[in-house]
Amino acid sequence: MAYNPKAKVFVFTLPSNESSAVTDYNAVIRHVAALYANVHLIDLYGLYCDDYRTGLLAGSNNGHLIALAYNYESVMIEKAINNYLYEYYKEFMAVPYA
């Protein structure tokens, strides 16, 4: 952050299972996002957890996804970021360029 202290940083929760490791990780990510004004949380767990329990992404915790599932996951992440930017657009009106 020393190079560009006004840089916008995005962090993501894990949308997968409810294991203690994922729960702990998500708690830390939420805590870090709350510490800094320029760190923005995209809560994939809150938005898309059900997609990882059923359907195309089910069972993704046991290894890699199939190609179609990776594509689906990238579309979900893109949608989550776009929705966040639309909701909090005022935060990004004057993004500095390095």
N, C-alpha and C. Protein backbone atom coordinates (compact mmCIF):
# COMPACT_ATOMS: atom_id res chain seq x y z
N MET A 1 0.81 -1.20 0.00
CA MET A 1 0.00 0.00 0.00
C MET A 1 0.85 1.26 0.00
N ALA A 2 2.16 1.13 0.24
CA ALA A 2 3.01 2.31 0.26
C ALA A 2 3.08 2.95 -1.12
N TYR A 3 3.04 2.15 -2.17
CA TYR A 3 3.13 2.68 -3.52
C TYR A 3 1.87 3.46 -3.88
N ASN A 4 0.73 2.91 -3.57
CA ASN A 4 -0.53 3.57 -3.87
C ASN A 4 -1.48 3.37 -2.69
N PRO A 5 -1.41 4.25 -1.69
CA PRO A 5 -2.20 4.06 -0.48
C PRO A 5 -3.71 4.16 -0.70
N LYS A 6 -4.14 4.66 -1.84
CA LYS A 6 -5.57 4.76 -2.13
C LYS A 6 -6.08 3.62 -3.01
N ALA A 7 -5.24 2.63 -3.23
CA ALA A 7 -5.64 1.50 -4.07
C ALA A 7 -6.83 0.77 -3.46
N LYS A 8 -7.72 0.32 -4.32
CA LYS A 8 -8.88 -0.46 -3.89
C LYS A 8 -8.48 -1.93 -3.94
N VAL A 9 -8.73 -2.64 -2.85
CA VAL A 9 -8.39 -4.05 -2.75
C VAL A 9 -9.67 -4.83 -2.50
N PHE A 10 -9.85 -5.91 -3.23
CA PHE A 10 -11.00 -6.77 -3.04
C PHE A 10 -10.56 -8.07 -2.38
N VAL A 11 -11.32 -8.49 -1.38
CA VAL A 11 -11.09 -9.79 -0.75
C VAL A 11 -12.39 -10.58 -0.85
N PHE A 12 -12.26 -11.88 -0.89
CA PHE A 12 -13.41 -12.76 -1.11
C PHE A 12 -13.49 -13.81 -0.01
N THR A 13 -14.71 -14.06 0.46
CA THR A 13 -14.91 -15.21 1.33
C THR A 13 -14.98 -16.45 0.46
N LEU A 14 -14.74 -17.60 1.06
CA LEU A 14 -14.86 -18.87 0.34
C LEU A 14 -16.32 -19.31 0.38
N PRO A 15 -16.89 -19.67 -0.75
CA PRO A 15 -18.30 -20.03 -0.79
C PRO A 15 -18.56 -21.51 -0.59
N SER A 16 -17.57 -22.26 -0.20
CA SER A 16 -17.72 -23.71 -0.20
C SER A 16 -18.36 -24.22 1.09
N ASN A 17 -17.91 -25.34 1.54
CA ASN A 17 -18.55 -26.05 2.64
C ASN A 17 -18.46 -25.30 3.97
N GLU A 18 -19.06 -25.87 4.99
CA GLU A 18 -19.08 -25.23 6.30
C GLU A 18 -18.07 -25.87 7.25
N SER A 19 -16.93 -26.30 6.75
CA SER A 19 -15.91 -26.86 7.62
C SER A 19 -15.35 -25.76 8.51
N SER A 20 -14.73 -26.15 9.60
CA SER A 20 -14.19 -25.15 10.53
C SER A 20 -13.08 -24.33 9.86
N ALA A 21 -12.33 -24.94 8.94
CA ALA A 21 -11.26 -24.20 8.25
C ALA A 21 -11.86 -23.08 7.39
N VAL A 22 -12.94 -23.37 6.67
CA VAL A 22 -13.59 -22.35 5.84
C VAL A 22 -14.23 -21.28 6.72
N THR A 23 -14.89 -21.71 7.79
CA THR A 23 -15.52 -20.76 8.71
C THR A 23 -14.48 -19.83 9.31
N ASP A 24 -13.35 -20.38 9.74
CA ASP A 24 -12.27 -19.57 10.31
C ASP A 24 -11.68 -18.62 9.27
N TYR A 25 -11.44 -19.12 8.07
CA TYR A 25 -10.89 -18.30 6.99
C TYR A 25 -11.82 -17.13 6.70
N ASN A 26 -13.11 -17.42 6.56
CA ASN A 26 -14.08 -16.36 6.24
C ASN A 26 -14.15 -15.32 7.36
N ALA A 27 -14.02 -15.76 8.61
CA ALA A 27 -14.03 -14.81 9.72
C ALA A 27 -12.83 -13.87 9.64
N VAL A 28 -11.66 -14.41 9.30
CA VAL A 28 -10.46 -13.59 9.17
C VAL A 28 -10.60 -12.61 8.01
N ILE A 29 -11.12 -13.07 6.89
CA ILE A 29 -11.31 -12.20 5.72
C ILE A 29 -12.26 -11.06 6.06
N ARG A 30 -13.35 -11.38 6.75
CA ARG A 30 -14.30 -10.32 7.15
C ARG A 30 -13.64 -9.32 8.09
N HIS A 31 -12.82 -9.83 9.00
CA HIS A 31 -12.12 -8.96 9.96
C HIS A 31 -11.15 -8.02 9.24
N VAL A 32 -10.37 -8.56 8.32
CA VAL A 32 -9.40 -7.75 7.58
C VAL A 32 -10.13 -6.68 6.77
N ALA A 33 -11.24 -7.04 6.14
CA ALA A 33 -11.99 -6.07 5.35
C ALA A 33 -12.52 -4.93 6.23
N ALA A 34 -12.85 -5.24 7.47
CA ALA A 34 -13.37 -4.22 8.38
C ALA A 34 -12.27 -3.29 8.89
N LEU A 35 -11.02 -3.70 8.80
CA LEU A 35 -9.91 -2.91 9.33
C LEU A 35 -9.52 -1.74 8.43
N TYR A 36 -9.72 -1.87 7.14
CA TYR A 36 -9.20 -0.90 6.18
C TYR A 36 -10.33 -0.34 5.30
N ALA A 37 -10.31 0.96 5.10
CA ALA A 37 -11.35 1.61 4.31
C ALA A 37 -11.31 1.22 2.84
N ASN A 38 -10.13 0.93 2.32
CA ASN A 38 -10.00 0.61 0.89
C ASN A 38 -10.03 -0.87 0.58
N VAL A 39 -10.34 -1.69 1.58
CA VAL A 39 -10.48 -3.13 1.37
C VAL A 39 -11.98 -3.44 1.30
N HIS A 40 -12.39 -4.03 0.20
CA HIS A 40 -13.81 -4.28 -0.06
C HIS A 40 -14.07 -5.79 -0.07
N LEU A 41 -15.07 -6.18 0.71
CA LEU A 41 -15.41 -7.59 0.86
C LEU A 41 -16.46 -8.01 -0.16
N ILE A 42 -16.14 -9.04 -0.91
CA ILE A 42 -17.12 -9.69 -1.77
C ILE A 42 -17.46 -11.01 -1.07
N ASP A 43 -18.66 -11.09 -0.53
CA ASP A 43 -19.05 -12.23 0.30
C ASP A 43 -19.62 -13.36 -0.56
N LEU A 44 -18.73 -14.12 -1.15
CA LEU A 44 -19.16 -15.24 -1.99
C LEU A 44 -19.89 -16.30 -1.17
N TYR A 45 -19.50 -16.45 0.10
CA TYR A 45 -20.18 -17.42 0.95
C TYR A 45 -21.65 -17.05 1.12
N GLY A 46 -21.90 -15.80 1.40
CA GLY A 46 -23.28 -15.35 1.59
C GLY A 46 -24.09 -15.36 0.31
N LEU A 47 -23.43 -15.12 -0.82
CA LEU A 47 -24.14 -15.02 -2.09
C LEU A 47 -24.34 -16.36 -2.79
N TYR A 48 -23.31 -17.22 -2.75
CA TYR A 48 -23.31 -18.39 -3.63
C TYR A 48 -23.05 -19.71 -2.95
N CYS A 49 -23.15 -19.76 -1.64
CA CYS A 49 -22.84 -21.01 -0.94
C CYS A 49 -23.72 -22.17 -1.44
N ASP A 50 -24.98 -21.90 -1.71
CA ASP A 50 -25.88 -22.97 -2.17
C ASP A 50 -25.45 -23.54 -3.51
N ASP A 51 -24.83 -22.74 -4.35
CA ASP A 51 -24.36 -23.24 -5.64
C ASP A 51 -23.25 -24.27 -5.47
N TYR A 52 -22.54 -24.21 -4.37
CA TYR A 52 -21.47 -25.17 -4.11
C TYR A 52 -21.98 -26.42 -3.41
N ARG A 53 -23.21 -26.40 -2.97
CA ARG A 53 -23.80 -27.58 -2.31
C ARG A 53 -24.60 -28.43 -3.28
N THR A 54 -25.12 -27.79 -4.31
CA THR A 54 -25.95 -28.50 -5.28
C THR A 54 -25.53 -28.08 -6.69
N GLY A 55 -25.92 -28.85 -7.65
CA GLY A 55 -25.72 -28.45 -9.04
C GLY A 55 -24.30 -28.63 -9.54
N LEU A 56 -23.94 -27.76 -10.46
CA LEU A 56 -22.69 -27.86 -11.22
C LEU A 56 -21.44 -27.81 -10.35
N LEU A 57 -21.50 -27.06 -9.26
CA LEU A 57 -20.32 -26.88 -8.42
C LEU A 57 -20.28 -27.82 -7.22
N ALA A 58 -21.26 -28.67 -7.07
CA ALA A 58 -21.29 -29.61 -5.94
C ALA A 58 -20.09 -30.53 -6.00
N GLY A 59 -19.49 -30.77 -4.87
CA GLY A 59 -18.34 -31.66 -4.80
C GLY A 59 -17.04 -31.01 -5.20
N SER A 60 -17.04 -29.71 -5.39
CA SER A 60 -15.82 -29.03 -5.83
C SER A 60 -14.76 -28.97 -4.74
N ASN A 61 -15.13 -29.28 -3.51
CA ASN A 61 -14.17 -29.24 -2.41
C ASN A 61 -13.22 -30.43 -2.43
N ASN A 62 -13.51 -31.43 -3.25
CA ASN A 62 -12.70 -32.64 -3.28
C ASN A 62 -11.69 -32.66 -4.42
N GLY A 63 -11.49 -31.56 -5.06
CA GLY A 63 -10.55 -31.52 -6.18
C GLY A 63 -10.91 -30.39 -7.11
N HIS A 64 -10.39 -30.48 -8.32
CA HIS A 64 -10.63 -29.44 -9.31
C HIS A 64 -12.01 -29.58 -9.92
N LEU A 65 -12.51 -28.46 -10.39
CA LEU A 65 -13.78 -28.45 -11.10
C LEU A 65 -13.58 -28.91 -12.54
N ILE A 66 -14.66 -29.26 -13.19
CA ILE A 66 -14.60 -29.52 -14.63
C ILE A 66 -14.57 -28.16 -15.33
N ALA A 67 -14.19 -28.13 -16.58
CA ALA A 67 -14.03 -26.87 -17.31
C ALA A 67 -15.31 -26.04 -17.30
N LEU A 68 -16.44 -26.66 -17.50
CA LEU A 68 -17.70 -25.93 -17.50
C LEU A 68 -17.97 -25.29 -16.13
N ALA A 69 -17.62 -25.99 -15.07
CA ALA A 69 -17.84 -25.46 -13.72
C ALA A 69 -16.90 -24.28 -13.44
N TYR A 70 -15.66 -24.34 -13.92
CA TYR A 70 -14.76 -23.19 -13.77
C TYR A 70 -15.34 -21.97 -14.48
N ASN A 71 -15.89 -22.18 -15.66
CA ASN A 71 -16.51 -21.08 -16.39
C ASN A 71 -17.69 -20.52 -15.61
N TYR A 72 -18.52 -21.39 -15.10
CA TYR A 72 -19.68 -20.98 -14.30
C TYR A 72 -19.24 -20.20 -13.07
N GLU A 73 -18.20 -20.69 -12.41
CA GLU A 73 -17.68 -20.01 -11.23
C GLU A 73 -17.15 -18.61 -11.58
N SER A 74 -16.47 -18.49 -12.70
CA SER A 74 -15.95 -17.18 -13.10
C SER A 74 -17.08 -16.20 -13.40
N VAL A 75 -18.16 -16.68 -13.96
CA VAL A 75 -19.32 -15.83 -14.23
C VAL A 75 -19.94 -15.38 -12.91
N MET A 76 -20.03 -16.28 -11.93
CA MET A 76 -20.56 -15.91 -10.61
C MET A 76 -19.71 -14.84 -9.95
N ILE A 77 -18.39 -15.00 -10.02
CA ILE A 77 -17.49 -14.02 -9.40
C ILE A 77 -17.59 -12.68 -10.12
N GLU A 78 -17.64 -12.72 -11.44
CA GLU A 78 -17.80 -11.48 -12.21
C GLU A 78 -19.10 -10.78 -11.83
N LYS A 79 -20.17 -11.54 -11.72
CA LYS A 79 -21.47 -10.97 -11.33
C LYS A 79 -21.40 -10.37 -9.93
N ALA A 80 -20.75 -11.05 -9.01
CA ALA A 80 -20.64 -10.55 -7.63
C ALA A 80 -19.87 -9.23 -7.60
N ILE A 81 -18.78 -9.15 -8.35
CA ILE A 81 -17.98 -7.91 -8.40
C ILE A 81 -18.79 -6.79 -9.04
N ASN A 82 -19.44 -7.07 -10.16
CA ASN A 82 -20.26 -6.06 -10.83
C ASN A 82 -21.37 -5.54 -9.93
N ASN A 83 -22.05 -6.45 -9.24
CA ASN A 83 -23.11 -6.03 -8.33
C ASN A 83 -22.57 -5.16 -7.22
N TYR A 84 -21.40 -5.51 -6.71
CA TYR A 84 -20.78 -4.71 -5.65
C TYR A 84 -20.43 -3.32 -6.17
N LEU A 85 -19.85 -3.26 -7.35
CA LEU A 85 -19.49 -1.96 -7.93
C LEU A 85 -20.72 -1.09 -8.20
N TYR A 86 -21.80 -1.70 -8.65
CA TYR A 86 -23.03 -0.94 -8.88
C TYR A 86 -23.63 -0.45 -7.57
N GLU A 87 -23.56 -1.27 -6.54
CA GLU A 87 -24.13 -0.90 -5.24
C GLU A 87 -23.32 0.19 -4.54
N TYR A 88 -22.00 0.11 -4.65
CA TYR A 88 -21.11 1.05 -3.96
C TYR A 88 -20.33 1.92 -4.95
N TYR A 89 -20.98 2.32 -6.01
CA TYR A 89 -20.30 3.05 -7.08
C TYR A 89 -19.62 4.33 -6.60
N LYS A 90 -20.15 4.97 -5.57
CA LYS A 90 -19.55 6.22 -5.10
C LYS A 90 -18.14 6.00 -4.56
N GLU A 91 -17.85 4.80 -4.08
CA GLU A 91 -16.51 4.47 -3.59
C GLU A 91 -15.47 4.45 -4.72
N PHE A 92 -15.94 4.30 -5.95
CA PHE A 92 -15.04 4.09 -7.08
C PHE A 92 -15.09 5.21 -8.11
N MET A 93 -15.72 6.32 -7.76
CA MET A 93 -15.84 7.42 -8.70
C MET A 93 -14.50 8.11 -9.01
N ALA A 94 -13.63 8.12 -8.05
CA ALA A 94 -12.34 8.82 -8.22
C ALA A 94 -11.20 7.86 -7.96
N VAL A 95 -11.21 6.73 -8.62
CA VAL A 95 -10.13 5.76 -8.44
C VAL A 95 -8.85 6.37 -9.01
N PRO A 96 -7.81 6.49 -8.19
CA PRO A 96 -6.55 7.09 -8.68
C PRO A 96 -5.81 6.14 -9.61
N TYR A 97 -5.14 6.71 -10.56
CA TYR A 97 -4.31 5.94 -11.46
C TYR A 97 -2.85 6.16 -11.10
N ALA A 98 -2.09 5.10 -11.14
CA ALA A 98 -0.67 5.20 -10.79
C ALA A 98 0.12 5.69 -11.97
